[in-house]
């Protein structure tokens, strides 16, 4: 019996359950697109239909190391989620980035008035 098995056996059932839940949480914090799709119980065929591409396109997407943010956003949305981009710095709280690769970014007032011309 290994040390880990012995330690695990000595834990109460409630503590083992908490450890397992925390381990699952940590694993869920970092996943590949393929792992995320599988965790959502979606097939490549279903994803292809949602994205309007072929199943081979989904396979290629999942293997790519570098994706455009718009492609990643569409893929996550096809899984039923939404994508948020967060910038983290050592000297401040995380910052959620907005207006990046959105289909229709929220317009911000410019202070200029629009002029309507009637023909």
C-alpha atoms as a PDB file:
ATOM      1  CA  UNK A   1       0.000   0.000   0.000  1.00  0.00           C
ATOM      2  CA  UNK A   2       1.413   3.413  -0.990  1.00  0.00           C
ATOM      3  CA  UNK A   3       1.538   6.365   1.397  1.00  0.00           C
ATOM      4  CA  UNK A   4      -1.209   8.127  -0.566  1.00  0.00           C
ATOM      5  CA  UNK A   5      -3.507   5.106  -0.358  1.00  0.00           C
ATOM      6  CA  UNK A   6      -2.824   4.792   3.377  1.00  0.00           C
ATOM      7  CA  UNK A   7      -3.505   8.491   4.006  1.00  0.00           C
ATOM      8  CA  UNK A   8      -6.664   8.398   1.895  1.00  0.00           C
ATOM      9  CA  UNK A   9      -7.907   5.362   3.831  1.00  0.00           C
ATOM     10  CA  UNK A  10      -7.397   7.171   7.141  1.00  0.00           C
ATOM     11  CA  UNK A  11      -9.606  10.103   6.091  1.00  0.00           C
ATOM     12  CA  UNK A  12     -13.236  10.225   7.132  1.00  0.00           C
ATOM     13  CA  UNK A  13     -15.795   9.656   4.348  1.00  0.00           C
ATOM     14  CA  UNK A  14     -16.790  13.343   4.518  1.00  0.00           C
ATOM     15  CA  UNK A  15     -13.161  14.454   4.217  1.00  0.00           C
ATOM     16  CA  UNK A  16     -12.568  12.072   1.271  1.00  0.00           C
ATOM     17  CA  UNK A  17     -15.625  13.568  -0.420  1.00  0.00           C
ATOM     18  CA  UNK A  18     -14.283  17.117   0.123  1.00  0.00           C
ATOM     19  CA  UNK A  19     -10.862  16.150  -1.239  1.00  0.00           C
ATOM     20  CA  UNK A  20     -12.439  14.546  -4.322  1.00  0.00           C
ATOM     21  CA  UNK A  21     -14.622  17.617  -4.911  1.00  0.00           C
ATOM     22  CA  UNK A  22     -11.632  19.960  -4.641  1.00  0.00           C
ATOM     23  CA  UNK A  23      -9.581  17.772  -6.977  1.00  0.00           C
ATOM     24  CA  UNK A  24     -12.399  17.876  -9.542  1.00  0.00           C
ATOM     25  CA  UNK A  25     -12.579  21.660  -9.163  1.00  0.00           C
ATOM     26  CA  UNK A  26      -8.836  22.047  -9.755  1.00  0.00           C
ATOM     27  CA  UNK A  27      -8.959  19.768 -12.790  1.00  0.00           C
ATOM     28  CA  UNK A  28     -11.910  21.744 -14.180  1.00  0.00           C
ATOM     29  CA  UNK A  29      -9.992  25.017 -13.913  1.00  0.00           C
ATOM     30  CA  UNK A  30      -7.751  24.026 -16.808  1.00  0.00           C
ATOM     31  CA  UNK A  31      -9.010  22.047 -19.773  1.00  0.00           C
ATOM     32  CA  UNK A  32      -8.299  21.764 -23.452  1.00  0.00           C
ATOM     33  CA  UNK A  33     -11.167  22.529 -25.831  1.00  0.00           C
ATOM     34  CA  UNK A  34     -11.544  18.789 -26.420  1.00  0.00           C
ATOM     35  CA  UNK A  35     -11.738  18.084 -22.668  1.00  0.00           C
ATOM     36  CA  UNK A  36     -14.233  20.911 -22.237  1.00  0.00           C
ATOM     37  CA  UNK A  37     -16.411  19.584 -25.073  1.00  0.00           C
ATOM     38  CA  UNK A  38     -16.340  16.103 -23.562  1.00  0.00           C
ATOM     39  CA  UNK A  39     -17.132  17.446 -20.089  1.00  0.00           C
ATOM     40  CA  UNK A  40     -20.163  19.166 -21.635  1.00  0.00           C
ATOM     41  CA  UNK A  41     -21.109  15.771 -23.132  1.00  0.00           C
ATOM     42  CA  UNK A  42     -21.021  17.094 -26.687  1.00  0.00           C
ATOM     43  CA  UNK A  43     -19.801  15.213 -29.749  1.00  0.00           C
ATOM     44  CA  UNK A  44     -17.651  16.694 -32.485  1.00  0.00           C
ATOM     45  CA  UNK A  45     -20.582  16.123 -34.860  1.00  0.00           C
ATOM     46  CA  UNK A  46     -22.916  18.186 -32.651  1.00  0.00           C
ATOM     47  CA  UNK A  47     -20.301  20.947 -32.309  1.00  0.00           C
ATOM     48  CA  UNK A  48     -19.780  20.945 -36.090  1.00  0.00           C
ATOM     49  CA  UNK A  49     -23.510  21.435 -36.623  1.00  0.00           C
ATOM     50  CA  UNK A  50     -23.608  24.312 -34.096  1.00  0.00           C
ATOM     51  CA  UNK A  51     -20.577  25.975 -35.693  1.00  0.00           C
ATOM     52  CA  UNK A  52     -21.625  25.344 -39.290  1.00  0.00           C
ATOM     53  CA  UNK A  53     -18.439  23.452 -40.125  1.00  0.00           C
ATOM     54  CA  UNK A  54     -17.493  19.824 -40.745  1.00  0.00           C
ATOM     55  CA  UNK A  55     -16.587  17.367 -37.985  1.00  0.00           C
ATOM     56  CA  UNK A  56     -13.001  17.400 -39.261  1.00  0.00           C
ATOM     57  CA  UNK A  57     -12.994  21.179 -38.690  1.00  0.00           C
ATOM     58  CA  UNK A  58     -13.893  20.661 -35.030  1.00  0.00           C
ATOM     59  CA  UNK A  59     -11.099  18.112 -34.717  1.00  0.00           C
ATOM     60  CA  UNK A  60      -8.615  20.601 -36.184  1.00  0.00           C
ATOM     61  CA  UNK A  61      -9.889  23.377 -33.889  1.00  0.00           C
ATOM     62  CA  UNK A  62      -9.350  21.207 -30.833  1.00  0.00           C
ATOM     63  CA  UNK A  63      -5.755  20.471 -31.840  1.00  0.00           C
ATOM     64  CA  UNK A  64      -4.737  24.063 -32.556  1.00  0.00           C
ATOM     65  CA  UNK A  65      -2.475  25.776 -30.061  1.00  0.00           C
ATOM     66  CA  UNK A  66      -3.277  29.279 -31.320  1.00  0.00           C
ATOM     67  CA  UNK A  67      -6.856  30.439 -31.969  1.00  0.00           C
ATOM     68  CA  UNK A  68      -8.375  33.769 -32.850  1.00  0.00           C
ATOM     69  CA  UNK A  69     -10.410  35.084 -29.935  1.00  0.00           C
ATOM     70  CA  UNK A  70     -13.514  35.270 -32.148  1.00  0.00           C
ATOM     71  CA  UNK A  71     -13.129  31.564 -33.015  1.00  0.00           C
ATOM     72  CA  UNK A  72     -12.681  30.644 -29.364  1.00  0.00           C
ATOM     73  CA  UNK A  73     -15.727  32.747 -28.395  1.00  0.00           C
ATOM     74  CA  UNK A  74     -17.911  31.052 -31.030  1.00  0.00           C
ATOM     75  CA  UNK A  75     -16.703  27.618 -29.921  1.00  0.00           C
ATOM     76  CA  UNK A  76     -17.440  28.271 -26.249  1.00  0.00           C
ATOM     77  CA  UNK A  77     -20.846  29.752 -27.141  1.00  0.00           C
ATOM     78  CA  UNK A  78     -21.626  26.648 -29.228  1.00  0.00           C
ATOM     79  CA  UNK A  79     -21.053  24.652 -26.031  1.00  0.00           C
ATOM     80  CA  UNK A  80     -23.609  26.829 -24.240  1.00  0.00           C
ATOM     81  CA  UNK A  81     -21.138  29.069 -22.427  1.00  0.00           C
ATOM     82  CA  UNK A  82     -19.724  32.538 -22.734  1.00  0.00           C
ATOM     83  CA  UNK A  83     -16.117  33.661 -22.966  1.00  0.00           C
ATOM     84  CA  UNK A  84     -14.553  36.238 -20.665  1.00  0.00           C
ATOM     85  CA  UNK A  85     -11.001  37.482 -20.978  1.00  0.00           C
ATOM     86  CA  UNK A  86      -9.232  38.448 -17.779  1.00  0.00           C
ATOM     87  CA  UNK A  87      -5.889  40.240 -17.507  1.00  0.00           C
ATOM     88  CA  UNK A  88      -4.028  39.453 -14.298  1.00  0.00           C
ATOM     89  CA  UNK A  89      -1.263  41.595 -12.842  1.00  0.00           C
ATOM     90  CA  UNK A  90       0.835  41.096  -9.707  1.00  0.00           C
ATOM     91  CA  UNK A  91       0.052  44.563  -8.346  1.00  0.00           C
ATOM     92  CA  UNK A  92      -3.734  44.817  -8.815  1.00  0.00           C
ATOM     93  CA  UNK A  93      -6.975  42.886  -8.957  1.00  0.00           C
ATOM     94  CA  UNK A  94      -7.795  41.046 -12.198  1.00  0.00           C
ATOM     95  CA  UNK A  95      -9.345  43.145 -14.980  1.00  0.00           C
ATOM     96  CA  UNK A  96     -12.084  41.778 -17.250  1.00  0.00           C
ATOM     97  CA  UNK A  97     -11.364  42.935 -20.793  1.00  0.00           C
ATOM     98  CA  UNK A  98     -14.338  44.086 -22.838  1.00  0.00           C
ATOM     99  CA  UNK A  99     -14.943  44.945 -26.467  1.00  0.00           C
ATOM    100  CA  UNK A 100     -12.454  42.394 -27.781  1.00  0.00           C
ATOM    101  CA  UNK A 101     -13.718  40.343 -30.691  1.00  0.00           C
ATOM    102  CA  UNK A 102     -17.366  40.847 -29.852  1.00  0.00           C
ATOM    103  CA  UNK A 103     -19.836  40.600 -32.712  1.00  0.00           C
ATOM    104  CA  UNK A 104     -21.369  43.930 -31.759  1.00  0.00           C
ATOM    105  CA  UNK A 105     -19.231  45.700 -29.164  1.00  0.00           C
ATOM    106  CA  UNK A 106     -21.085  48.147 -27.004  1.00  0.00           C
ATOM    107  CA  UNK A 107     -20.693  51.626 -28.411  1.00  0.00           C
ATOM    108  CA  UNK A 108     -19.377  54.226 -26.046  1.00  0.00           C
ATOM    109  CA  UNK A 109     -20.532  57.845 -26.270  1.00  0.00           C
ATOM    110  CA  UNK A 110     -18.023  60.035 -28.096  1.00  0.00           C
ATOM    111  CA  UNK A 111     -19.530  63.339 -27.093  1.00  0.00           C
ATOM    112  CA  UNK A 112     -20.245  64.130 -30.766  1.00  0.00           C
ATOM    113  CA  UNK A 113     -23.773  64.586 -31.990  1.00  0.00           C
ATOM    114  CA  UNK A 114     -25.000  62.754 -35.041  1.00  0.00           C
ATOM    115  CA  UNK A 115     -26.284  64.853 -37.882  1.00  0.00           C
ATOM    116  CA  UNK A 116     -29.243  63.533 -39.885  1.00  0.00           C
ATOM    117  CA  UNK A 117     -29.507  64.651 -43.490  1.00  0.00           C
ATOM    118  CA  UNK A 118     -32.831  64.381 -45.296  1.00  0.00           C
ATOM    119  CA  UNK A 119     -32.777  64.112 -49.085  1.00  0.00           C
END
